[in-house]
Amino acid sequence: MKISKKIQVERRSLAEQLYESIKDLILSGEIKAGQRIPEEALAGKFKVSRTPVREAVRRLDEYGIVKIIPRSYAEVVGITEAEATEVVQVRRQLEILSVSLLAAKASQEDIKVLKRLSEQCKKFFKENNKSKVFETDSKLHLEIALRSGNSVLFQTLERLDAKIQLIRLMHCNSPDKIEANLLFHDEIIKALKNNNINESVNLIKKHIK
């Protein structure tokens, strides 16, 4: 029983690592929208069997960035311009509510955590690690929603995250655009620190368009 349990834990750990690695390949643009996930090649690249690769791909399907074609293959999800527009419209309103709620009550601890995430975004940008910039950008926005105190708001934004990442790949993948977006973070955090609801809302409207 002990041996069996140990193997199961190691397999989960391996699948988790592969999940992050394959997600990085997608968010960096190395595997593009509409392309098949090359399970055999990935198994060779990471020197593992195809089983943990498939487990990782299944998790990416649950997240929403990969689509599994039953009994066939898996591919990176694409998103149309029309769908992207609809997602941004919904996200914008959710983010306005998010900053409004947090600005009314932001604590020093809230600001400390948000500043740390903002600095991590800048660090990954300097390292030219686009996938980590995108992931950390999402963490920052989700942290604002979490700390707003509205669990439904947080859960709704969390469910949209995969599509938001796909939109970033479509429209925010040049260094200039990424850097411009990151500059908004410090301004938004400053407005939250000052409990300035109007300024927080105005900044988030400019940030998400």
N, C-alpha and C. Protein backbone atom coordinates (compact mmCIF):
# COMPACT_ATOMS: atom_id res chain seq x y z
N MET A 1 0.82 -1.21 0.00
CA MET A 1 0.00 0.00 0.00
C MET A 1 0.85 1.26 0.00
N LYS A 2 1.92 1.24 0.80
CA LYS A 2 2.79 2.43 0.89
C LYS A 2 3.48 2.70 -0.44
N ILE A 3 3.96 1.62 -1.08
CA ILE A 3 4.63 1.77 -2.37
C ILE A 3 3.66 2.31 -3.41
N SER A 4 2.49 1.76 -3.44
CA SER A 4 1.47 2.19 -4.38
C SER A 4 1.11 3.66 -4.21
N LYS A 5 0.98 4.09 -2.95
CA LYS A 5 0.64 5.48 -2.66
C LYS A 5 1.74 6.42 -3.13
N LYS A 6 3.01 6.03 -2.90
CA LYS A 6 4.15 6.84 -3.29
C LYS A 6 4.18 7.05 -4.80
N ILE A 7 3.95 5.97 -5.53
CA ILE A 7 3.94 6.06 -7.00
C ILE A 7 2.84 7.00 -7.47
N GLN A 8 1.68 6.94 -6.85
CA GLN A 8 0.56 7.79 -7.24
C GLN A 8 0.89 9.26 -7.02
N VAL A 9 1.52 9.59 -5.90
CA VAL A 9 1.90 10.97 -5.61
C VAL A 9 2.91 11.47 -6.63
N GLU A 10 3.90 10.63 -6.97
CA GLU A 10 4.92 11.02 -7.94
C GLU A 10 4.30 11.25 -9.31
N ARG A 11 3.34 10.41 -9.68
CA ARG A 11 2.67 10.57 -10.98
C ARG A 11 1.91 11.88 -11.03
N ARG A 12 1.22 12.22 -9.93
CA ARG A 12 0.48 13.49 -9.90
C ARG A 12 1.45 14.66 -10.02
N SER A 13 2.58 14.55 -9.34
CA SER A 13 3.58 15.60 -9.37
C SER A 13 4.12 15.78 -10.79
N LEU A 14 4.39 14.67 -11.47
CA LEU A 14 4.90 14.71 -12.83
C LEU A 14 3.86 15.33 -13.78
N ALA A 15 2.61 14.92 -13.64
CA ALA A 15 1.54 15.46 -14.48
C ALA A 15 1.40 16.96 -14.25
N GLU A 16 1.56 17.38 -13.00
CA GLU A 16 1.48 18.81 -12.67
C GLU A 16 2.60 19.59 -13.36
N GLN A 17 3.80 19.04 -13.32
CA GLN A 17 4.94 19.69 -13.98
C GLN A 17 4.72 19.78 -15.49
N LEU A 18 4.21 18.70 -16.06
CA LEU A 18 3.96 18.70 -17.50
C LEU A 18 2.84 19.66 -17.87
N TYR A 19 1.83 19.75 -17.02
CA TYR A 19 0.74 20.71 -17.23
C TYR A 19 1.31 22.12 -17.35
N GLU A 20 2.19 22.49 -16.43
CA GLU A 20 2.78 23.83 -16.45
C GLU A 20 3.68 24.01 -17.66
N SER A 21 4.45 22.98 -18.00
CA SER A 21 5.38 23.08 -19.13
C SER A 21 4.65 23.22 -20.46
N ILE A 22 3.61 22.41 -20.66
CA ILE A 22 2.85 22.48 -21.92
C ILE A 22 2.07 23.79 -21.99
N LYS A 23 1.55 24.23 -20.86
CA LYS A 23 0.85 25.51 -20.81
C LYS A 23 1.80 26.65 -21.20
N ASP A 24 3.05 26.56 -20.72
CA ASP A 24 4.05 27.57 -21.09
C ASP A 24 4.30 27.58 -22.60
N LEU A 25 4.35 26.39 -23.20
CA LEU A 25 4.57 26.29 -24.64
C LEU A 25 3.44 26.97 -25.42
N ILE A 26 2.22 26.84 -24.89
CA ILE A 26 1.06 27.45 -25.55
C ILE A 26 1.06 28.96 -25.36
N LEU A 27 1.26 29.41 -24.11
CA LEU A 27 1.22 30.85 -23.82
C LEU A 27 2.40 31.60 -24.42
N SER A 28 3.49 30.90 -24.69
CA SER A 28 4.63 31.55 -25.33
C SER A 28 4.45 31.61 -26.84
N GLY A 29 3.43 30.90 -27.35
CA GLY A 29 3.17 30.90 -28.79
C GLY A 29 3.91 29.83 -29.54
N GLU A 30 4.64 28.96 -28.82
CA GLU A 30 5.38 27.90 -29.50
C GLU A 30 4.44 26.87 -30.10
N ILE A 31 3.35 26.57 -29.39
CA ILE A 31 2.26 25.77 -29.96
C ILE A 31 1.08 26.72 -30.13
N LYS A 32 0.66 26.93 -31.36
CA LYS A 32 -0.30 27.99 -31.66
C LYS A 32 -1.74 27.48 -31.71
N ALA A 33 -2.67 28.43 -31.70
CA ALA A 33 -4.10 28.11 -31.79
C ALA A 33 -4.38 27.27 -33.02
N GLY A 34 -5.13 26.19 -32.84
CA GLY A 34 -5.47 25.31 -33.95
C GLY A 34 -4.48 24.19 -34.18
N GLN A 35 -3.31 24.28 -33.57
CA GLN A 35 -2.31 23.23 -33.76
C GLN A 35 -2.59 22.06 -32.82
N ARG A 36 -2.25 20.87 -33.30
CA ARG A 36 -2.40 19.68 -32.47
C ARG A 36 -1.32 19.66 -31.39
N ILE A 37 -1.67 19.06 -30.26
CA ILE A 37 -0.70 18.86 -29.19
C ILE A 37 0.11 17.61 -29.55
N PRO A 38 1.42 17.74 -29.81
CA PRO A 38 2.21 16.58 -30.23
C PRO A 38 2.62 15.71 -29.03
N GLU A 39 1.70 14.86 -28.60
CA GLU A 39 1.92 14.08 -27.37
C GLU A 39 3.20 13.24 -27.44
N GLU A 40 3.41 12.56 -28.55
CA GLU A 40 4.59 11.70 -28.67
C GLU A 40 5.87 12.51 -28.62
N ALA A 41 5.89 13.64 -29.32
CA ALA A 41 7.08 14.49 -29.33
C ALA A 41 7.33 15.09 -27.94
N LEU A 42 6.25 15.46 -27.25
CA LEU A 42 6.40 16.03 -25.90
C LEU A 42 6.91 14.97 -24.92
N ALA A 43 6.42 13.75 -25.06
CA ALA A 43 6.89 12.66 -24.21
C ALA A 43 8.39 12.46 -24.41
N GLY A 44 8.84 12.55 -25.66
CA GLY A 44 10.26 12.43 -25.94
C GLY A 44 11.05 13.61 -25.41
N LYS A 45 10.51 14.80 -25.58
CA LYS A 45 11.18 16.02 -25.13
C LYS A 45 11.41 16.01 -23.61
N PHE A 46 10.38 15.57 -22.88
CA PHE A 46 10.48 15.58 -21.42
C PHE A 46 10.91 14.23 -20.84
N LYS A 47 11.19 13.27 -21.77
CA LYS A 47 11.69 11.94 -21.35
C LYS A 47 10.74 11.25 -20.37
N VAL A 48 9.48 11.21 -20.76
CA VAL A 48 8.45 10.53 -19.97
C VAL A 48 7.60 9.68 -20.91
N SER A 49 6.72 8.86 -20.33
CA SER A 49 5.78 8.11 -21.15
C SER A 49 4.65 9.05 -21.59
N ARG A 50 3.79 8.56 -22.46
CA ARG A 50 2.69 9.40 -22.94
C ARG A 50 1.58 9.54 -21.90
N THR A 51 1.55 8.65 -20.91
CA THR A 51 0.46 8.68 -19.92
C THR A 51 0.41 9.99 -19.15
N PRO A 52 1.52 10.45 -18.52
CA PRO A 52 1.44 11.73 -17.81
C PRO A 52 1.23 12.91 -18.74
N VAL A 53 1.68 12.79 -20.00
CA VAL A 53 1.43 13.85 -20.98
C VAL A 53 -0.08 13.95 -21.23
N ARG A 54 -0.73 12.82 -21.37
CA ARG A 54 -2.18 12.80 -21.60
C ARG A 54 -2.93 13.36 -20.38
N GLU A 55 -2.44 13.05 -19.19
CA GLU A 55 -3.06 13.59 -17.98
C GLU A 55 -2.96 15.11 -17.97
N ALA A 56 -1.78 15.62 -18.36
CA ALA A 56 -1.57 17.07 -18.41
C ALA A 56 -2.48 17.71 -19.45
N VAL A 57 -2.60 17.08 -20.60
CA VAL A 57 -3.46 17.59 -21.68
C VAL A 57 -4.92 17.60 -21.24
N ARG A 58 -5.33 16.57 -20.50
CA ARG A 58 -6.71 16.52 -19.99
C ARG A 58 -6.97 17.70 -19.05
N ARG A 59 -5.99 18.03 -18.21
CA ARG A 59 -6.13 19.18 -17.31
C ARG A 59 -6.21 20.49 -18.09
N LEU A 60 -5.43 20.58 -19.17
CA LEU A 60 -5.47 21.78 -20.01
C LEU A 60 -6.82 21.90 -20.73
N ASP A 61 -7.42 20.76 -21.03
CA ASP A 61 -8.77 20.75 -21.61
C ASP A 61 -9.78 21.26 -20.57
N GLU A 62 -9.63 20.84 -19.32
CA GLU A 62 -10.52 21.30 -18.25
C GLU A 62 -10.35 22.80 -18.02
N TYR A 63 -9.10 23.27 -18.12
CA TYR A 63 -8.82 24.70 -17.95
C TYR A 63 -9.46 25.51 -19.09
N GLY A 64 -9.46 24.94 -20.31
CA GLY A 64 -10.12 25.59 -21.43
C GLY A 64 -9.21 26.10 -22.52
N ILE A 65 -7.93 25.78 -22.42
CA ILE A 65 -6.99 26.28 -23.43
C ILE A 65 -6.67 25.22 -24.49
N VAL A 66 -7.11 23.99 -24.22
CA VAL A 66 -6.92 22.86 -25.14
C VAL A 66 -8.27 22.17 -25.34
N LYS A 67 -8.48 21.65 -26.54
CA LYS A 67 -9.71 20.92 -26.83
C LYS A 67 -9.34 19.50 -27.24
N ILE A 68 -9.93 18.53 -26.55
CA ILE A 68 -9.68 17.13 -26.87
C ILE A 68 -10.75 16.63 -27.84
N ILE A 69 -10.31 16.11 -28.97
CA ILE A 69 -11.22 15.47 -29.93
C ILE A 69 -11.29 14.00 -29.54
N PRO A 70 -12.46 13.51 -29.10
CA PRO A 70 -12.57 12.14 -28.59
C PRO A 70 -12.00 11.09 -29.55
N ARG A 71 -11.19 10.18 -28.97
CA ARG A 71 -10.57 9.07 -29.71
C ARG A 71 -9.75 9.54 -30.90
N SER A 72 -9.21 10.75 -30.81
CA SER A 72 -8.43 11.26 -31.93
C SER A 72 -7.20 12.03 -31.46
N TYR A 73 -7.33 13.31 -31.19
CA TYR A 73 -6.18 14.14 -30.82
C TYR A 73 -6.65 15.34 -30.00
N ALA A 74 -5.70 16.12 -29.55
CA ALA A 74 -6.01 17.36 -28.82
C ALA A 74 -5.35 18.52 -29.54
N GLU A 75 -6.00 19.67 -29.51
CA GLU A 75 -5.45 20.85 -30.18
C GLU A 75 -5.65 22.09 -29.31
N VAL A 76 -4.83 23.10 -29.56
CA VAL A 76 -4.96 24.36 -28.85
C VAL A 76 -6.22 25.07 -29.31
N VAL A 77 -7.00 25.56 -28.38
CA VAL A 77 -8.26 26.24 -28.70
C VAL A 77 -7.98 27.56 -29.40
N GLY A 78 -8.79 27.84 -30.42
CA GLY A 78 -8.74 29.14 -31.07
C GLY A 78 -9.93 29.98 -30.61
N ILE A 79 -9.86 31.27 -30.81
CA ILE A 79 -10.96 32.14 -30.43
C ILE A 79 -11.18 33.15 -31.54
N THR A 80 -12.43 33.35 -31.94
CA THR A 80 -12.73 34.28 -33.02
C THR A 80 -12.72 35.71 -32.50
N GLU A 81 -12.64 36.65 -33.42
CA GLU A 81 -12.66 38.07 -33.04
C GLU A 81 -13.99 38.42 -32.38
N ALA A 82 -15.08 37.84 -32.89
CA ALA A 82 -16.40 38.13 -32.33
C ALA A 82 -16.49 37.63 -30.88
N GLU A 83 -15.99 36.42 -30.65
CA GLU A 83 -16.01 35.86 -29.29
C GLU A 83 -15.10 36.66 -28.38
N ALA A 84 -13.94 37.07 -28.90
CA ALA A 84 -13.00 37.87 -28.11
C ALA A 84 -13.64 39.18 -27.66
N THR A 85 -14.37 39.80 -28.57
CA THR A 85 -15.05 41.06 -28.24
C THR A 85 -16.05 40.85 -27.12
N GLU A 86 -16.82 39.77 -27.21
CA GLU A 86 -17.82 39.48 -26.18
C GLU A 86 -17.16 39.21 -24.82
N VAL A 87 -16.06 38.47 -24.84
CA VAL A 87 -15.35 38.16 -23.59
C VAL A 87 -14.82 39.44 -22.95
N VAL A 88 -14.23 40.30 -23.77
CA VAL A 88 -13.68 41.56 -23.24
C VAL A 88 -14.79 42.43 -22.65
N GLN A 89 -15.94 42.48 -23.31
CA GLN A 89 -17.07 43.28 -22.79
C GLN A 89 -17.47 42.80 -21.40
N VAL A 90 -17.57 41.48 -21.24
CA VAL A 90 -17.96 40.92 -19.95
C VAL A 90 -16.85 41.12 -18.92
N ARG A 91 -15.63 40.83 -19.33
CA ARG A 91 -14.50 40.97 -18.40
C ARG A 91 -14.37 42.40 -17.89
N ARG A 92 -14.53 43.35 -18.78
CA ARG A 92 -14.39 44.77 -18.41
C ARG A 92 -15.35 45.14 -17.28
N GLN A 93 -16.59 44.71 -17.40
CA GLN A 93 -17.57 45.04 -16.37
C GLN A 93 -17.25 44.33 -15.05
N LEU A 94 -16.79 43.09 -15.14
CA LEU A 94 -16.42 42.36 -13.93
C LEU A 94 -15.22 43.01 -13.24
N GLU A 95 -14.25 43.45 -14.03
CA GLU A 95 -13.05 44.08 -13.46
C GLU A 95 -13.40 45.45 -12.84
N ILE A 96 -14.34 46.16 -13.44
CA ILE A 96 -14.79 47.44 -12.86
C ILE A 96 -15.38 47.19 -11.48
N LEU A 97 -16.22 46.17 -11.38
CA LEU A 97 -16.79 45.82 -10.08
C LEU A 97 -15.70 45.39 -9.10
N SER A 98 -14.75 44.64 -9.60
CA SER A 98 -13.66 44.12 -8.78
C SER A 98 -12.86 45.25 -8.11
N VAL A 99 -12.41 46.22 -8.92
CA VAL A 99 -11.61 47.32 -8.34
C VAL A 99 -12.46 48.24 -7.48
N SER A 100 -13.73 48.39 -7.86
CA SER A 100 -14.63 49.25 -7.07
C SER A 100 -14.78 48.71 -5.65
N LEU A 101 -14.99 47.40 -5.55
CA LEU A 101 -15.17 46.77 -4.24
C LEU A 101 -13.89 46.81 -3.41
N LEU A 102 -12.75 46.54 -4.07
CA LEU A 102 -11.50 46.52 -3.31
C LEU A 102 -11.04 47.92 -2.92
N ALA A 103 -11.24 48.89 -3.81
CA ALA A 103 -10.81 50.26 -3.52
C ALA A 103 -11.50 50.81 -2.27
N ALA A 104 -12.69 50.34 -2.00
CA ALA A 104 -13.44 50.83 -0.85
C ALA A 104 -12.88 50.33 0.48
N LYS A 105 -12.02 49.28 0.40
CA LYS A 105 -11.58 48.69 1.68
C LYS A 105 -10.16 48.12 1.65
N ALA A 106 -9.38 48.46 0.65
CA ALA A 106 -8.05 47.86 0.49
C ALA A 106 -7.18 48.08 1.72
N SER A 107 -6.54 46.99 2.17
CA SER A 107 -5.65 47.04 3.33
C SER A 107 -4.20 47.08 2.88
N GLN A 108 -3.30 47.31 3.83
CA GLN A 108 -1.87 47.31 3.51
C GLN A 108 -1.43 45.95 2.99
N GLU A 109 -2.00 44.88 3.55
CA GLU A 109 -1.67 43.53 3.10
C GLU A 109 -2.13 43.31 1.66
N ASP A 110 -3.32 43.79 1.32
CA ASP A 110 -3.81 43.70 -0.07
C ASP A 110 -2.82 44.33 -1.03
N ILE A 111 -2.41 45.55 -0.70
CA ILE A 111 -1.51 46.30 -1.58
C ILE A 111 -0.14 45.63 -1.67
N LYS A 112 0.33 45.09 -0.57
CA LYS A 112 1.63 44.39 -0.55
C LYS A 112 1.63 43.21 -1.51
N VAL A 113 0.56 42.41 -1.47
CA VAL A 113 0.46 41.24 -2.34
C VAL A 113 0.37 41.65 -3.81
N LEU A 114 -0.42 42.67 -4.10
CA LEU A 114 -0.58 43.14 -5.49
C LEU A 114 0.72 43.72 -6.03
N LYS A 115 1.44 44.45 -5.19
CA LYS A 115 2.73 45.02 -5.62
C LYS A 115 3.72 43.91 -5.94
N ARG A 116 3.71 42.86 -5.13
CA ARG A 116 4.62 41.74 -5.37
C ARG A 116 4.33 41.09 -6.72
N LEU A 117 3.06 40.90 -7.04
CA LEU A 117 2.69 40.31 -8.32
C LEU A 117 3.06 41.22 -9.48
N SER A 118 2.88 42.53 -9.29
CA SER A 118 3.26 43.50 -10.32
C SER A 118 4.76 43.44 -10.59
N GLU A 119 5.55 43.33 -9.53
CA GLU A 119 7.01 43.25 -9.69
C GLU A 119 7.40 41.95 -10.37
N GLN A 120 6.68 40.88 -10.08
CA GLN A 120 6.96 39.60 -10.75
C GLN A 120 6.69 39.70 -12.25
N CYS A 121 5.62 40.40 -12.61
CA CYS A 121 5.31 40.62 -14.03
C CYS A 121 6.48 41.32 -14.72
N LYS A 122 6.99 42.37 -14.07
CA LYS A 122 8.10 43.13 -14.65
C LYS A 122 9.35 42.27 -14.78
N LYS A 123 9.60 41.45 -13.77
CA LYS A 123 10.76 40.56 -13.78
C LYS A 123 10.69 39.58 -14.94
N PHE A 124 9.53 38.94 -15.12
CA PHE A 124 9.38 37.99 -16.21
C PHE A 124 9.46 38.70 -17.57
N PHE A 125 8.98 39.94 -17.64
CA PHE A 125 9.07 40.69 -18.89
C PHE A 125 10.53 40.96 -19.24
N LYS A 126 11.33 41.34 -18.26
CA LYS A 126 12.76 41.59 -18.49
C LYS A 126 13.48 40.32 -18.92
N GLU A 127 12.99 39.18 -18.43
CA GLU A 127 13.59 37.89 -18.79
C GLU A 127 13.04 37.36 -20.11
N ASN A 128 12.14 38.13 -20.74
CA ASN A 128 11.52 37.75 -22.01
C ASN A 128 10.74 36.44 -21.89
N ASN A 129 10.14 36.24 -20.70
CA ASN A 129 9.35 35.03 -20.45
C ASN A 129 7.87 35.39 -20.56
N LYS A 130 7.40 35.41 -21.79
CA LYS A 130 6.03 35.88 -22.06
C LYS A 130 4.97 35.04 -21.37
N SER A 131 5.15 33.73 -21.36
CA SER A 131 4.14 32.86 -20.75
C SER A 131 3.98 33.16 -19.27
N LYS A 132 5.10 33.40 -18.57
CA LYS A 132 5.03 33.71 -17.14
C LYS A 132 4.46 35.12 -16.91
N VAL A 133 4.74 36.03 -17.83
CA VAL A 133 4.12 37.37 -17.73
C VAL A 133 2.61 37.23 -17.78
N PHE A 134 2.11 36.47 -18.76
CA PHE A 134 0.66 36.30 -18.92
C PHE A 134 0.04 35.62 -17.70
N GLU A 135 0.70 34.57 -17.21
CA GLU A 135 0.16 33.85 -16.06
C GLU A 135 0.12 34.75 -14.82
N THR A 136 1.19 35.52 -14.62
CA THR A 136 1.25 36.38 -13.44
C THR A 136 0.30 37.56 -13.56
N ASP A 137 0.11 38.04 -14.78
CA ASP A 137 -0.87 39.10 -15.04
C ASP A 137 -2.25 38.61 -14.60
N SER A 138 -2.60 37.39 -14.99
CA SER A 138 -3.89 36.81 -14.58
C SER A 138 -3.98 36.68 -13.06
N LYS A 139 -2.89 36.23 -12.44
CA LYS A 139 -2.88 36.08 -10.98
C LYS A 139 -3.17 37.41 -10.29
N LEU A 140 -2.59 38.49 -10.83
CA LEU A 140 -2.79 39.82 -10.24
C LEU A 140 -4.26 40.23 -10.31
N HIS A 141 -4.85 40.08 -11.49
CA HIS A 141 -6.25 40.47 -11.65
C HIS A 141 -7.18 39.59 -10.83
N LEU A 142 -6.87 38.30 -10.77
CA LEU A 142 -7.69 37.39 -9.97
C LEU A 142 -7.53 37.68 -8.47
N GLU A 143 -6.34 38.12 -8.08
CA GLU A 143 -6.10 38.47 -6.68
C GLU A 143 -6.94 39.68 -6.27
N ILE A 144 -7.06 40.64 -7.19
CA ILE A 144 -7.91 41.81 -6.91
C ILE A 144 -9.35 41.35 -6.69
N ALA A 145 -9.81 40.45 -7.57
CA ALA A 145 -11.19 39.94 -7.44
C ALA A 145 -11.36 39.15 -6.15
N LEU A 146 -10.38 38.33 -5.81
CA LEU A 146 -10.44 37.54 -4.58
C LEU A 146 -10.54 38.44 -3.36
N ARG A 147 -9.70 39.49 -3.34
CA ARG A 147 -9.65 40.39 -2.19
C ARG A 147 -10.80 41.39 -2.18
N SER A 148 -11.59 41.41 -3.25
CA SER A 148 -12.77 42.28 -3.26
C SER A 148 -13.82 41.77 -2.27
N GLY A 149 -13.72 40.47 -1.95
CA GLY A 149 -14.66 39.88 -1.00
C GLY A 149 -15.89 39.25 -1.64
N ASN A 150 -15.98 39.32 -2.98
CA ASN A 150 -17.13 38.74 -3.68
C ASN A 150 -16.70 37.43 -4.34
N SER A 151 -17.07 36.31 -3.75
CA SER A 151 -16.62 35.01 -4.24
C SER A 151 -17.19 34.67 -5.62
N VAL A 152 -18.41 35.10 -5.89
CA VAL A 152 -19.02 34.83 -7.21
C VAL A 152 -18.25 35.58 -8.30
N LEU A 153 -17.88 36.80 -8.01
CA LEU A 153 -17.09 37.60 -8.94
C LEU A 153 -15.77 36.91 -9.24
N PHE A 154 -15.08 36.47 -8.19
CA PHE A 154 -13.80 35.79 -8.36
C PHE A 154 -13.96 34.53 -9.20
N GLN A 155 -14.95 33.71 -8.87
CA GLN A 155 -15.15 32.44 -9.58
C GLN A 155 -15.50 32.67 -11.05
N THR A 156 -16.25 33.72 -11.33
CA THR A 156 -16.63 34.02 -12.71
C THR A 156 -15.41 34.44 -13.53
N LEU A 157 -14.58 35.31 -12.95
CA LEU A 157 -13.35 35.71 -13.64
C LEU A 157 -12.39 34.54 -13.81
N GLU A 158 -12.35 33.68 -12.81
CA GLU A 158 -11.47 32.50 -12.88
C GLU A 158 -11.88 31.60 -14.05
N ARG A 159 -13.20 31.44 -14.24
CA ARG A 159 -13.68 30.60 -15.35
C ARG A 159 -13.38 31.23 -16.72
N LEU A 160 -13.27 32.54 -16.76
CA LEU A 160 -12.97 33.24 -18.01
C LEU A 160 -11.48 33.26 -18.34
N ASP A 161 -10.66 32.85 -17.39
CA ASP A 161 -9.22 33.07 -17.51
C ASP A 161 -8.60 32.45 -18.77
N ALA A 162 -9.03 31.24 -19.13
CA ALA A 162 -8.45 30.59 -20.32
C ALA A 162 -8.70 31.43 -21.57
N LYS A 163 -9.92 31.95 -21.72
CA LYS A 163 -10.23 32.77 -22.89
C LYS A 163 -9.47 34.09 -22.84
N ILE A 164 -9.29 34.64 -21.64
CA ILE A 164 -8.51 35.87 -21.50
C ILE A 164 -7.07 35.64 -21.95
N GLN A 165 -6.52 34.48 -21.60
CA GLN A 165 -5.16 34.15 -22.03
C GLN A 165 -5.08 34.02 -23.56
N LEU A 166 -6.09 33.40 -24.16
CA LEU A 166 -6.11 33.27 -25.61
C LEU A 166 -6.19 34.64 -26.29
N ILE A 167 -6.94 35.55 -25.68
CA ILE A 167 -7.05 36.91 -26.23
C ILE A 167 -5.71 37.64 -26.11
N ARG A 168 -5.02 37.44 -24.99
CA ARG A 168 -3.69 38.04 -24.84
C ARG A 168 -2.75 37.56 -25.95
N LEU A 169 -2.83 36.28 -26.28
CA LEU A 169 -2.00 35.74 -27.35
C LEU A 169 -2.32 36.39 -28.70
N MET A 170 -3.60 36.72 -28.90
CA MET A 170 -4.03 37.33 -30.15
C MET A 170 -3.64 38.80 -30.26
N HIS A 171 -3.84 39.54 -29.17
CA HIS A 171 -3.78 41.00 -29.27
C HIS A 171 -2.73 41.68 -28.41
N CYS A 172 -2.06 40.93 -27.55
CA CYS A 172 -1.10 41.58 -26.65
C CYS A 172 0.20 40.79 -26.60
N ASN A 173 0.72 40.42 -27.78
CA ASN A 173 1.89 39.56 -27.78
C ASN A 173 3.18 40.25 -28.21
N SER A 174 3.13 41.55 -28.52
CA SER A 174 4.37 42.26 -28.86
C SER A 174 4.93 42.88 -27.58
N PRO A 175 6.26 43.01 -27.49
CA PRO A 175 6.87 43.59 -26.29
C PRO A 175 6.32 44.96 -25.92
N ASP A 176 6.07 45.81 -26.91
CA ASP A 176 5.55 47.15 -26.63
C ASP A 176 4.17 47.09 -25.99
N LYS A 177 3.30 46.23 -26.51
CA LYS A 177 1.94 46.11 -25.96
C LYS A 177 1.97 45.51 -24.56
N ILE A 178 2.82 44.51 -24.37
CA ILE A 178 2.92 43.89 -23.05
C ILE A 178 3.42 44.90 -22.03
N GLU A 179 4.46 45.64 -22.38
CA GLU A 179 5.02 46.63 -21.45
C GLU A 179 4.00 47.72 -21.13
N ALA A 180 3.27 48.18 -22.13
CA ALA A 180 2.25 49.22 -21.91
C ALA A 180 1.18 48.73 -20.95
N ASN A 181 0.78 47.47 -21.09
CA ASN A 181 -0.23 46.91 -20.18
C ASN A 181 0.30 46.79 -18.76
N LEU A 182 1.56 46.41 -18.62
CA LEU A 182 2.14 46.25 -17.28
C LEU A 182 2.23 47.58 -16.54
N LEU A 183 2.42 48.67 -17.27
CA LEU A 183 2.52 49.98 -16.63
C LEU A 183 1.22 50.37 -15.92
N PHE A 184 0.11 49.86 -16.43
CA PHE A 184 -1.18 50.15 -15.80
C PHE A 184 -1.28 49.56 -14.39
N HIS A 185 -0.60 48.44 -14.17
CA HIS A 185 -0.72 47.77 -12.88
C HIS A 185 -0.35 48.69 -11.71
N ASP A 186 0.78 49.37 -11.84
CA ASP A 186 1.24 50.23 -10.75
C ASP A 186 0.26 51.37 -10.49
N GLU A 187 -0.31 51.91 -11.56
CA GLU A 187 -1.27 53.01 -11.41
C GLU A 187 -2.56 52.52 -10.73
N ILE A 188 -3.00 51.33 -11.12
CA ILE A 188 -4.21 50.76 -10.52
C ILE A 188 -3.97 50.47 -9.04
N ILE A 189 -2.83 49.89 -8.73
CA ILE A 189 -2.51 49.57 -7.33
C ILE A 189 -2.41 50.85 -6.49
N LYS A 190 -1.85 51.90 -7.07
CA LYS A 190 -1.76 53.18 -6.36
C LYS A 190 -3.16 53.72 -6.03
N ALA A 191 -4.06 53.65 -7.01
CA ALA A 191 -5.43 54.13 -6.79
C ALA A 191 -6.14 53.28 -5.74
N LEU A 192 -5.90 51.97 -5.75
CA LEU A 192 -6.49 51.10 -4.74
C LEU A 192 -5.95 51.43 -3.34
N LYS A 193 -4.64 51.69 -3.29
CA LYS A 193 -4.01 52.04 -2.01
C LYS A 193 -4.62 53.31 -1.42
N ASN A 194 -4.94 54.25 -2.31
CA ASN A 194 -5.52 55.53 -1.88
C ASN A 194 -7.04 55.46 -1.68
N ASN A 195 -7.58 54.23 -1.83
CA ASN A 195 -9.04 54.03 -1.71
C ASN A 195 -9.82 54.94 -2.64
N ASN A 196 -9.25 55.16 -3.83
CA ASN A 196 -9.86 56.06 -4.81
C ASN A 196 -10.66 55.22 -5.82
N ILE A 197 -11.94 55.10 -5.58
CA ILE A 197 -12.79 54.24 -6.42
C ILE A 197 -12.87 54.77 -7.85
N ASN A 198 -13.11 56.07 -8.01
CA ASN A 198 -13.26 56.65 -9.35
C ASN A 198 -12.00 56.46 -10.19
N GLU A 199 -10.85 56.71 -9.59
CA GLU A 199 -9.59 56.57 -10.32
C GLU A 199 -9.32 55.11 -10.67
N SER A 200 -9.63 54.22 -9.74
CA SER A 200 -9.45 52.78 -9.99
C SER A 200 -10.30 52.34 -11.18
N VAL A 201 -11.54 52.79 -11.22
CA VAL A 201 -12.46 52.44 -12.30
C VAL A 201 -11.98 53.02 -13.64
N ASN A 202 -11.58 54.28 -13.63
CA ASN A 202 -11.10 54.91 -14.86
C ASN A 202 -9.89 54.20 -15.42
N LEU A 203 -8.98 53.79 -14.54
CA LEU A 203 -7.76 53.10 -14.98
C LEU A 203 -8.06 51.72 -15.54
N ILE A 204 -8.96 51.00 -14.88
CA ILE A 204 -9.28 49.65 -15.37
C ILE A 204 -10.01 49.71 -16.70
N LYS A 205 -10.78 50.76 -16.93
CA LYS A 205 -11.45 50.93 -18.22
C LYS A 205 -10.44 51.14 -19.34
N LYS A 206 -9.39 51.89 -19.05
CA LYS A 206 -8.33 52.12 -20.04
C LYS A 206 -7.49 50.86 -20.25
N HIS A 207 -7.30 50.14 -19.15
CA HIS A 207 -6.45 48.93 -19.19
C HIS A 207 -7.10 47.81 -19.99
N ILE A 208 -8.40 47.64 -19.85
CA ILE A 208 -9.12 46.55 -20.53
C ILE A 208 -10.02 47.16 -21.59
N LYS A 209 -9.58 47.06 -22.82
CA LYS A 209 -10.36 47.66 -23.92
C LYS A 209 -10.22 46.83 -25.17
